[in-house]
Amino acid sequence: MPRSEAIRRPDPVGAAATSRHAAGVAVNPAGMRRSEWQVAEEVPLAILLNGEDFAVMMVTPADLEDFVLGFALTEGLVGTTDDIRKLSVTRASDGYMANVSLDPQKVEKADGRRRRLAGRSGCGVCGAQSLAAAITKPRRVRGSLPETKAIHAAFAGFSDRQVMRRENHSTHAAALCGQDGRILLIREDIGRHNALDKLAGAVARGDFDVTQSFVLLSSRVSYEMVQKSAAMGVPLVAAASAPSALSLRVAKAADLTLVVKARDSLMYFHPKDFSESAQ
């Protein structure tokens, strides 16, 4: 059996609840009333490299094997899926545990990116032990850029594909889109970085030409979102909210184009055209 087949199996924990009912009290000028919400689930996932603790991440318990694989790829722990000898995800008493089996030399190289703190669902580089581990040189990307109408089409169909968000109104999504704007894959999580890592893992399992695709995000574009998208190899990222200055600098270094939705318009940041001006 090829090594890659060890991680090409159904997610054993994919049926776990991704949201829960929560009772509360709604207060408005007219008074108070009991109310019930669907809230997103958030659980710890311990990631082990060859049986040793590497990181603990807070995630929504769905597509966890995609997440672990994507995390390993976008964090630079491995270069390809073939670097992973085996990947398993199991339930633990208070969450989940993922064990990634690698060549021992690759584990030594990954030690510099080991997390001292738990990675919160809203955090991309929490617990990194050094600045070098937190901010890494991005991969340079190449490929064809979609037409503007294709990006508009992807945004138009985005909400309908977000199953978790329809339940809890609080999860983020990341999608891989084709040149025509059709959504090819989508992954969701309470954390925007987690959703993108899940997407990266799912893309790595499949047969997609990332140079002819783009990533669509429900969130703002921070540095880590650009770095992870560049690691996937896509030439363009479209997002629902504004980028940070650092994310633009990293996108320029990666030769990656950023597009941000601004009401009915799209704001383009082409790497060759982007320049900063001090205020």
C-alpha atoms as a PDB file:
ATOM      1  CA  MET A   1       0.000   0.000   0.000  1.00  0.00           C
ATOM      2  CA  PRO A   2       1.436   3.431  -0.904  1.00  0.00           C
ATOM      3  CA  ARG A   3       2.077   5.636   2.096  1.00  0.00           C
ATOM      4  CA  SER A   4      -0.472   8.213   0.944  1.00  0.00           C
ATOM      5  CA  GLU A   5      -3.273   5.623   1.195  1.00  0.00           C
ATOM      6  CA  ALA A   6      -2.763   5.519   4.960  1.00  0.00           C
ATOM      7  CA  ILE A   7      -4.501   8.915   5.155  1.00  0.00           C
ATOM      8  CA  ARG A   8      -7.025   8.385   2.343  1.00  0.00           C
ATOM      9  CA  ARG A   9      -9.842   6.945   4.386  1.00  0.00           C
ATOM     10  CA  PRO A  10     -13.112   8.351   5.740  1.00  0.00           C
ATOM     11  CA  ASP A  11     -12.861  10.686   8.708  1.00  0.00           C
ATOM     12  CA  PRO A  12     -13.608   8.386  11.687  1.00  0.00           C
ATOM     13  CA  VAL A  13     -14.912  11.269  13.798  1.00  0.00           C
ATOM     14  CA  GLY A  14     -16.784  13.138  11.076  1.00  0.00           C
ATOM     15  CA  ALA A  15     -20.159  12.287  12.598  1.00  0.00           C
ATOM     16  CA  ALA A  16     -19.472  14.160  15.839  1.00  0.00           C
ATOM     17  CA  ALA A  17     -21.812  17.017  16.759  1.00  0.00           C
ATOM     18  CA  THR A  18     -20.604  20.337  15.360  1.00  0.00           C
ATOM     19  CA  SER A  19     -23.138  22.456  17.248  1.00  0.00           C
ATOM     20  CA  ARG A  20     -25.202  22.308  20.441  1.00  0.00           C
ATOM     21  CA  HIS A  21     -28.399  23.824  21.783  1.00  0.00           C
ATOM     22  CA  ALA A  22     -27.798  26.524  24.383  1.00  0.00           C
ATOM     23  CA  ALA A  23     -30.587  28.100  26.461  1.00  0.00           C
ATOM     24  CA  GLY A  24     -30.377  31.760  27.419  1.00  0.00           C
ATOM     25  CA  VAL A  25     -32.384  34.877  28.129  1.00  0.00           C
ATOM     26  CA  ALA A  26     -33.115  37.455  25.436  1.00  0.00           C
ATOM     27  CA  VAL A  27     -33.419  40.994  26.816  1.00  0.00           C
ATOM     28  CA  ASN A  28     -34.896  43.946  24.903  1.00  0.00           C
ATOM     29  CA  PRO A  29     -36.839  47.134  25.798  1.00  0.00           C
ATOM     30  CA  ALA A  30     -40.066  45.123  25.860  1.00  0.00           C
ATOM     31  CA  GLY A  31     -38.799  42.731  28.520  1.00  0.00           C
ATOM     32  CA  MET A  32     -37.147  39.326  28.835  1.00  0.00           C
ATOM     33  CA  ARG A  33     -37.878  35.914  27.395  1.00  0.00           C
ATOM     34  CA  ARG A  34     -36.269  32.519  27.357  1.00  0.00           C
ATOM     35  CA  SER A  35     -34.474  31.734  24.115  1.00  0.00           C
ATOM     36  CA  GLU A  36     -32.456  28.901  22.623  1.00  0.00           C
ATOM     37  CA  TRP A  37     -29.539  29.122  20.217  1.00  0.00           C
ATOM     38  CA  GLN A  38     -27.522  26.669  18.193  1.00  0.00           C
ATOM     39  CA  VAL A  39     -23.889  27.335  19.107  1.00  0.00           C
ATOM     40  CA  ALA A  40     -20.774  25.999  17.397  1.00  0.00           C
ATOM     41  CA  GLU A  41     -18.903  23.196  19.149  1.00  0.00           C
ATOM     42  CA  GLU A  42     -15.262  23.793  20.116  1.00  0.00           C
ATOM     43  CA  VAL A  43     -13.022  20.962  21.359  1.00  0.00           C
ATOM     44  CA  PRO A  44      -9.290  20.386  21.905  1.00  0.00           C
ATOM     45  CA  LEU A  45      -7.355  18.339  19.370  1.00  0.00           C
ATOM     46  CA  ALA A  46      -3.930  17.155  20.510  1.00  0.00           C
ATOM     47  CA  ILE A  47      -1.485  16.686  17.624  1.00  0.00           C
ATOM     48  CA  LEU A  48       1.371  14.246  18.218  1.00  0.00           C
ATOM     49  CA  LEU A  49       4.376  13.698  15.965  1.00  0.00           C
ATOM     50  CA  ASN A  50       5.596  10.100  16.282  1.00  0.00           C
ATOM     51  CA  GLY A  51       3.773   9.854  19.600  1.00  0.00           C
ATOM     52  CA  GLU A  52       5.221  13.044  21.134  1.00  0.00           C
ATOM     53  CA  ASP A  53       3.179  16.172  21.912  1.00  0.00           C
ATOM     54  CA  PHE A  54       3.487  18.866  19.251  1.00  0.00           C
ATOM     55  CA  ALA A  55       0.456  21.148  19.589  1.00  0.00           C
ATOM     56  CA  VAL A  56      -3.057  21.369  20.960  1.00  0.00           C
ATOM     57  CA  MET A  57      -5.538  23.148  18.686  1.00  0.00           C
ATOM     58  CA  MET A  58      -9.131  24.165  19.402  1.00  0.00           C
ATOM     59  CA  VAL A  59     -11.375  23.036  16.540  1.00  0.00           C
ATOM     60  CA  THR A  60     -14.911  22.190  15.494  1.00  0.00           C
ATOM     61  CA  PRO A  61     -15.044  18.355  15.403  1.00  0.00           C
ATOM     62  CA  ALA A  62     -15.592  17.717  11.697  1.00  0.00           C
ATOM     63  CA  ASP A  63     -13.138  16.783   8.922  1.00  0.00           C
ATOM     64  CA  LEU A  64     -10.399  16.375  11.524  1.00  0.00           C
ATOM     65  CA  GLU A  65      -8.119  14.250   9.339  1.00  0.00           C
ATOM     66  CA  ASP A  66      -8.326  16.962   6.673  1.00  0.00           C
ATOM     67  CA  PHE A  67      -7.387  19.489   9.354  1.00  0.00           C
ATOM     68  CA  VAL A  68      -4.371  17.570  10.641  1.00  0.00           C
ATOM     69  CA  LEU A  69      -3.084  16.915   7.126  1.00  0.00           C
ATOM     70  CA  GLY A  70      -3.642  20.537   6.114  1.00  0.00           C
ATOM     71  CA  PHE A  71      -2.009  21.808   9.317  1.00  0.00           C
ATOM     72  CA  ALA A  72       1.045  19.641   8.660  1.00  0.00           C
ATOM     73  CA  LEU A  73       1.332  20.967   5.102  1.00  0.00           C
ATOM     74  CA  THR A  74       0.625  24.664   5.691  1.00  0.00           C
ATOM     75  CA  GLU A  75       2.820  24.804   8.796  1.00  0.00           C
ATOM     76  CA  GLY A  76       5.708  23.277   6.851  1.00  0.00           C
ATOM     77  CA  LEU A  77       5.958  20.131   8.966  1.00  0.00           C
ATOM     78  CA  VAL A  78       5.855  18.087   5.746  1.00  0.00           C
ATOM     79  CA  GLY A  79       6.328  18.934   2.092  1.00  0.00           C
ATOM     80  CA  THR A  80       3.871  16.454   0.561  1.00  0.00           C
ATOM     81  CA  THR A  81       1.398  13.824   1.702  1.00  0.00           C
ATOM     82  CA  ASP A  82       4.023  11.180   0.881  1.00  0.00           C
ATOM     83  CA  ASP A  83       6.080  12.444   3.849  1.00  0.00           C
ATOM     84  CA  ILE A  84       3.393  11.089   6.186  1.00  0.00           C
ATOM     85  CA  ARG A  85       3.715   7.398   6.939  1.00  0.00           C
ATOM     86  CA  LYS A  86       0.445   7.200   8.846  1.00  0.00           C
ATOM     87  CA  LEU A  87      -2.170   9.561  10.248  1.00  0.00           C
ATOM     88  CA  SER A  88      -4.814   8.548  12.770  1.00  0.00           C
ATOM     89  CA  VAL A  89      -7.447  10.520  14.689  1.00  0.00           C
ATOM     90  CA  THR A  90      -9.120   9.052  17.763  1.00  0.00           C
ATOM     91  CA  ARG A  91     -11.449  10.269  20.466  1.00  0.00           C
ATOM     92  CA  ALA A  92      -9.964  11.220  23.828  1.00  0.00           C
ATOM     93  CA  SER A  93     -11.725  11.779  27.135  1.00  0.00           C
ATOM     94  CA  ASP A  94     -12.169  15.524  26.607  1.00  0.00           C
ATOM     95  CA  GLY A  95     -11.561  15.904  22.873  1.00  0.00           C
ATOM     96  CA  TYR A  96      -9.532  14.211  20.156  1.00  0.00           C
ATOM     97  CA  MET A  97      -6.001  13.021  19.542  1.00  0.00           C
ATOM     98  CA  ALA A  98      -4.183  12.879  16.212  1.00  0.00           C
ATOM     99  CA  ASN A  99      -0.942  10.980  15.771  1.00  0.00           C
ATOM    100  CA  VAL A 100       1.153  11.730  12.704  1.00  0.00           C
ATOM    101  CA  SER A 101       3.904   9.266  11.875  1.00  0.00           C
ATOM    102  CA  LEU A 102       6.895  10.839  10.116  1.00  0.00           C
ATOM    103  CA  ASP A 103      10.518  10.096   9.380  1.00  0.00           C
ATOM    104  CA  PRO A 104      12.378  10.971  12.642  1.00  0.00           C
ATOM    105  CA  GLN A 105      14.558  13.512  10.785  1.00  0.00           C
ATOM    106  CA  LYS A 106      11.463  15.436   9.723  1.00  0.00           C
ATOM    107  CA  VAL A 107      10.288  15.525  13.327  1.00  0.00           C
ATOM    108  CA  GLU A 108      13.609  17.135  14.320  1.00  0.00           C
ATOM    109  CA  LYS A 109      13.123  19.835  11.670  1.00  0.00           C
ATOM    110  CA  ALA A 110       9.580  20.452  12.902  1.00  0.00           C
ATOM    111  CA  ASP A 111      10.689  21.027  16.506  1.00  0.00           C
ATOM    112  CA  GLY A 112      11.227  24.738  15.867  1.00  0.00           C
ATOM    113  CA  ARG A 113       7.510  25.097  15.149  1.00  0.00           C
ATOM    114  CA  ARG A 114       6.339  23.233  18.244  1.00  0.00           C
ATOM    115  CA  ARG A 115       3.593  25.123  20.135  1.00  0.00           C
ATOM    116  CA  ARG A 116       4.074  26.050  23.799  1.00  0.00           C
ATOM    117  CA  LEU A 117       0.462  27.190  24.165  1.00  0.00           C
ATOM    118  CA  ALA A 118      -2.799  25.756  22.938  1.00  0.00           C
ATOM    119  CA  GLY A 119      -3.770  27.182  19.566  1.00  0.00           C
ATOM    120  CA  ARG A 120      -7.095  28.936  20.053  1.00  0.00           C
ATOM    121  CA  SER A 121      -9.692  28.597  17.304  1.00  0.00           C
ATOM    122  CA  GLY A 122      -9.169  32.262  16.414  1.00  0.00           C
ATOM    123  CA  CYS A 123      -5.382  32.096  16.443  1.00  0.00           C
ATOM    124  CA  GLY A 124      -3.039  31.082  13.656  1.00  0.00           C
ATOM    125  CA  VAL A 125       0.405  31.181  15.288  1.00  0.00           C
ATOM    126  CA  CYS A 126      -0.378  31.038  19.027  1.00  0.00           C
ATOM    127  CA  GLY A 127       2.412  29.423  21.002  1.00  0.00           C
ATOM    128  CA  ALA A 128       5.115  29.539  18.322  1.00  0.00           C
ATOM    129  CA  GLN A 129       8.442  29.455  20.095  1.00  0.00           C
ATOM    130  CA  SER A 130      10.248  32.091  17.994  1.00  0.00           C
ATOM    131  CA  LEU A 131       9.666  34.933  15.542  1.00  0.00           C
ATOM    132  CA  ALA A 132      11.219  32.781  12.815  1.00  0.00           C
ATOM    133  CA  ALA A 133       8.629  30.095  13.512  1.00  0.00           C
ATOM    134  CA  ALA A 134       5.786  32.627  13.612  1.00  0.00           C
ATOM    135  CA  ILE A 135       6.645  34.464  10.384  1.00  0.00           C
ATOM    136  CA  THR A 136       8.097  32.242   7.685  1.00  0.00           C
ATOM    137  CA  LYS A 137       9.087  32.969   4.105  1.00  0.00           C
ATOM    138  CA  PRO A 138       6.108  32.118   1.892  1.00  0.00           C
ATOM    139  CA  ARG A 139       6.120  29.770  -1.058  1.00  0.00           C
ATOM    140  CA  ARG A 140       5.990  31.583  -4.423  1.00  0.00           C
ATOM    141  CA  VAL A 141       2.885  30.675  -6.387  1.00  0.00           C
ATOM    142  CA  ARG A 142       1.956  30.665 -10.056  1.00  0.00           C
ATOM    143  CA  GLY A 143      -1.167  30.118 -12.096  1.00  0.00           C
ATOM    144  CA  SER A 144      -4.031  31.716 -13.971  1.00  0.00           C
ATOM    145  CA  LEU A 145      -6.224  34.357 -12.360  1.00  0.00           C
ATOM    146  CA  PRO A 146     -10.013  34.047 -12.673  1.00  0.00           C
ATOM    147  CA  GLU A 147     -12.126  36.736 -14.283  1.00  0.00           C
ATOM    148  CA  THR A 148     -13.917  39.182 -11.989  1.00  0.00           C
ATOM    149  CA  LYS A 149     -17.309  37.686 -12.865  1.00  0.00           C
ATOM    150  CA  ALA A 150     -16.088  34.288 -11.629  1.00  0.00           C
ATOM    151  CA  ILE A 151     -15.153  35.731  -8.231  1.00  0.00           C
ATOM    152  CA  HIS A 152     -18.560  37.414  -7.981  1.00  0.00           C
ATOM    153  CA  ALA A 153     -20.180  34.071  -8.851  1.00  0.00           C
ATOM    154  CA  ALA A 154     -18.203  32.288  -6.121  1.00  0.00           C
ATOM    155  CA  PHE A 155     -19.262  34.845  -3.505  1.00  0.00           C
ATOM    156  CA  ALA A 156     -22.887  34.557  -4.683  1.00  0.00           C
ATOM    157  CA  GLY A 157     -22.958  30.795  -4.052  1.00  0.00           C
ATOM    158  CA  PHE A 158     -20.812  30.808  -0.900  1.00  0.00           C
ATOM    159  CA  SER A 159     -23.499  31.140   1.777  1.00  0.00           C
ATOM    160  CA  ASP A 160     -25.643  28.328   0.409  1.00  0.00           C
ATOM    161  CA  ARG A 161     -22.736  25.891   0.715  1.00  0.00           C
ATOM    162  CA  GLN A 162     -22.032  26.688   4.396  1.00  0.00           C
ATOM    163  CA  VAL A 163     -24.008  23.975   6.185  1.00  0.00           C
ATOM    164  CA  MET A 164     -22.622  24.622   9.677  1.00  0.00           C
ATOM    165  CA  ARG A 165     -23.170  28.368   9.442  1.00  0.00           C
ATOM    166  CA  ARG A 166     -26.853  27.845   8.647  1.00  0.00           C
ATOM    167  CA  GLU A 167     -27.133  26.031  11.990  1.00  0.00           C
ATOM    168  CA  ASN A 168     -25.024  28.201  14.282  1.00  0.00           C
ATOM    169  CA  HIS A 169     -24.438  31.515  12.417  1.00  0.00           C
ATOM    170  CA  SER A 170     -20.892  31.691  13.799  1.00  0.00           C
ATOM    171  CA  THR A 171     -18.554  29.387  11.886  1.00  0.00           C
ATOM    172  CA  HIS A 172     -16.097  30.377   9.151  1.00  0.00           C
ATOM    173  CA  ALA A 173     -15.619  28.732   5.784  1.00  0.00           C
ATOM    174  CA  ALA A 174     -12.857  28.288   3.211  1.00  0.00           C
ATOM    175  CA  ALA A 175     -13.551  27.066  -0.307  1.00  0.00           C
ATOM    176  CA  LEU A 176     -11.581  26.024  -3.367  1.00  0.00           C
ATOM    177  CA  CYS A 177     -13.088  27.475  -6.529  1.00  0.00           C
ATOM    178  CA  GLY A 178     -12.552  26.791 -10.205  1.00  0.00           C
ATOM    179  CA  GLN A 179     -11.773  29.360 -12.891  1.00  0.00           C
ATOM    180  CA  ASP A 180     -15.494  29.691 -13.589  1.00  0.00           C
ATOM    181  CA  GLY A 181     -16.287  30.520  -9.946  1.00  0.00           C
ATOM    182  CA  ARG A 182     -17.793  27.120  -9.192  1.00  0.00           C
ATOM    183  CA  ILE A 183     -17.132  25.967  -5.618  1.00  0.00           C
ATOM    184  CA  LEU A 184     -15.245  22.673  -5.850  1.00  0.00           C
ATOM    185  CA  LEU A 185     -14.663  22.037  -2.135  1.00  0.00           C
ATOM    186  CA  ILE A 186     -15.640  23.743   1.102  1.00  0.00           C
ATOM    187  CA  ARG A 187     -14.675  23.228   4.732  1.00  0.00           C
ATOM    188  CA  GLU A 188     -15.998  24.928   7.881  1.00  0.00           C
ATOM    189  CA  ASP A 189     -14.820  25.512  11.442  1.00  0.00           C
ATOM    190  CA  ILE A 190     -15.285  27.937  14.306  1.00  0.00           C
ATOM    191  CA  GLY A 191     -11.725  29.105  13.564  1.00  0.00           C
ATOM    192  CA  ARG A 192     -10.929  30.733  10.216  1.00  0.00           C
ATOM    193  CA  HIS A 193      -7.400  29.280  10.179  1.00  0.00           C
ATOM    194  CA  ASN A 194      -8.817  25.843  10.955  1.00  0.00           C
ATOM    195  CA  ALA A 195     -11.291  26.046   8.079  1.00  0.00           C
ATOM    196  CA  LEU A 196      -8.435  26.856   5.704  1.00  0.00           C
ATOM    197  CA  ASP A 197      -6.265  24.034   7.071  1.00  0.00           C
ATOM    198  CA  LYS A 198      -9.173  21.623   6.610  1.00  0.00           C
ATOM    199  CA  LEU A 199      -9.507  22.815   3.029  1.00  0.00           C
ATOM    200  CA  ALA A 200      -5.766  22.414   2.439  1.00  0.00           C
ATOM    201  CA  GLY A 201      -5.924  18.834   3.682  1.00  0.00           C
ATOM    202  CA  ALA A 202      -8.955  18.001   1.543  1.00  0.00           C
ATOM    203  CA  VAL A 203      -7.285  19.508  -1.528  1.00  0.00           C
ATOM    204  CA  ALA A 204      -4.119  17.486  -0.871  1.00  0.00           C
ATOM    205  CA  ARG A 205      -6.192  14.280  -0.782  1.00  0.00           C
ATOM    206  CA  GLY A 206      -7.923  15.064  -4.064  1.00  0.00           C
ATOM    207  CA  ASP A 207      -6.983  15.612  -7.681  1.00  0.00           C
ATOM    208  CA  PHE A 208      -7.120  19.390  -8.140  1.00  0.00           C
ATOM    209  CA  ASP A 209      -5.063  21.744 -10.277  1.00  0.00           C
ATOM    210  CA  VAL A 210      -4.481  24.499  -7.740  1.00  0.00           C
ATOM    211  CA  THR A 211      -2.754  26.684 -10.347  1.00  0.00           C
ATOM    212  CA  GLN A 212      -6.148  26.960 -12.084  1.00  0.00           C
ATOM    213  CA  SER A 213      -8.107  27.541  -8.858  1.00  0.00           C
ATOM    214  CA  PHE A 214      -8.538  30.161  -6.164  1.00  0.00           C
ATOM    215  CA  VAL A 215      -9.399  30.199  -2.453  1.00  0.00           C
ATOM    216  CA  LEU A 216     -12.505  31.929  -1.092  1.00  0.00           C
ATOM    217  CA  LEU A 217     -12.617  32.968   2.581  1.00  0.00           C
ATOM    218  CA  SER A 218     -15.479  34.091   4.807  1.00  0.00           C
ATOM    219  CA  SER A 219     -13.052  36.045   7.004  1.00  0.00           C
ATOM    220  CA  ARG A 220     -10.501  38.836   6.900  1.00  0.00           C
ATOM    221  CA  VAL A 221      -7.097  38.140   5.380  1.00  0.00           C
ATOM    222  CA  SER A 222      -4.425  37.993   8.060  1.00  0.00           C
ATOM    223  CA  TYR A 223      -0.789  37.014   7.514  1.00  0.00           C
ATOM    224  CA  GLU A 224      -1.408  33.358   8.364  1.00  0.00           C
ATOM    225  CA  MET A 225      -4.251  33.059   5.872  1.00  0.00           C
ATOM    226  CA  VAL A 226      -1.959  34.265   3.095  1.00  0.00           C
ATOM    227  CA  GLN A 227       0.887  31.998   4.203  1.00  0.00           C
ATOM    228  CA  LYS A 228      -1.387  28.942   4.320  1.00  0.00           C
ATOM    229  CA  SER A 229      -2.959  29.758   0.934  1.00  0.00           C
ATOM    230  CA  ALA A 230       0.494  30.189  -0.591  1.00  0.00           C
ATOM    231  CA  ALA A 231       1.490  26.814   0.856  1.00  0.00           C
ATOM    232  CA  MET A 232      -1.489  25.344  -1.003  1.00  0.00           C
ATOM    233  CA  GLY A 233      -0.167  26.882  -4.236  1.00  0.00           C
ATOM    234  CA  VAL A 234      -3.205  28.911  -5.326  1.00  0.00           C
ATOM    235  CA  PRO A 235      -2.472  32.168  -7.226  1.00  0.00           C
ATOM    236  CA  LEU A 236      -5.392  34.181  -5.781  1.00  0.00           C
ATOM    237  CA  VAL A 237      -7.309  34.510  -2.518  1.00  0.00           C
ATOM    238  CA  ALA A 238     -10.687  36.246  -2.346  1.00  0.00           C
ATOM    239  CA  ALA A 239     -11.962  37.230   1.093  1.00  0.00           C
ATOM    240  CA  ALA A 240     -15.012  38.778   2.706  1.00  0.00           C
ATOM    241  CA  SER A 241     -13.061  41.311   4.749  1.00  0.00           C
ATOM    242  CA  ALA A 242      -9.988  43.521   4.621  1.00  0.00           C
ATOM    243  CA  PRO A 243      -6.346  42.372   4.634  1.00  0.00           C
ATOM    244  CA  SER A 244      -3.695  43.471   7.100  1.00  0.00           C
ATOM    245  CA  ALA A 245      -0.589  45.342   5.974  1.00  0.00           C
ATOM    246  CA  LEU A 246       1.583  42.311   6.783  1.00  0.00           C
ATOM    247  CA  SER A 247      -0.669  40.011   4.771  1.00  0.00           C
ATOM    248  CA  LEU A 248      -0.222  42.295   1.750  1.00  0.00           C
ATOM    249  CA  ARG A 249       3.559  42.246   2.133  1.00  0.00           C
ATOM    250  CA  VAL A 250       3.565  38.453   2.404  1.00  0.00           C
ATOM    251  CA  ALA A 251       1.236  38.163  -0.606  1.00  0.00           C
ATOM    252  CA  LYS A 252       3.638  40.338  -2.600  1.00  0.00           C
ATOM    253  CA  ALA A 253       6.550  38.082  -1.597  1.00  0.00           C
ATOM    254  CA  ALA A 254       4.526  35.020  -2.637  1.00  0.00           C
ATOM    255  CA  ASP A 255       3.369  36.663  -5.904  1.00  0.00           C
ATOM    256  CA  LEU A 256      -0.183  35.985  -4.737  1.00  0.00           C
ATOM    257  CA  THR A 257      -3.112  38.248  -5.655  1.00  0.00           C
ATOM    258  CA  LEU A 258      -5.604  39.256  -2.949  1.00  0.00           C
ATOM    259  CA  VAL A 259      -9.181  40.280  -3.713  1.00  0.00           C
ATOM    260  CA  VAL A 260     -11.465  41.711  -1.018  1.00  0.00           C
ATOM    261  CA  LYS A 261     -15.208  42.121  -1.255  1.00  0.00           C
ATOM    262  CA  ALA A 262     -16.253  45.707  -0.546  1.00  0.00           C
ATOM    263  CA  ARG A 263     -20.058  45.806  -0.736  1.00  0.00           C
ATOM    264  CA  ASP A 264     -20.855  45.325  -4.432  1.00  0.00           C
ATOM    265  CA  SER A 265     -17.259  45.882  -5.581  1.00  0.00           C
ATOM    266  CA  LEU A 266     -14.055  43.851  -5.519  1.00  0.00           C
ATOM    267  CA  MET A 267     -10.799  45.467  -4.379  1.00  0.00           C
ATOM    268  CA  TYR A 268      -7.749  43.920  -6.076  1.00  0.00           C
ATOM    269  CA  PHE A 269      -4.266  43.888  -4.558  1.00  0.00           C
ATOM    270  CA  HIS A 270      -1.946  42.643  -7.296  1.00  0.00           C
ATOM    271  CA  PRO A 271       1.544  41.799  -5.995  1.00  0.00           C
ATOM    272  CA  LYS A 272       3.287  43.831  -8.703  1.00  0.00           C
ATOM    273  CA  ASP A 273       1.091  46.872  -8.143  1.00  0.00           C
ATOM    274  CA  PHE A 274       0.803  46.876  -4.346  1.00  0.00           C
ATOM    275  CA  SER A 275       2.712  49.585  -2.522  1.00  0.00           C
ATOM    276  CA  GLU A 276       2.368  51.048   0.960  1.00  0.00           C
ATOM    277  CA  SER A 277       2.080  54.710   1.781  1.00  0.00           C
ATOM    278  CA  ALA A 278       2.748  56.127   5.233  1.00  0.00           C
ATOM    279  CA  GLN A 279       0.018  58.295   6.702  1.00  0.00           C
END
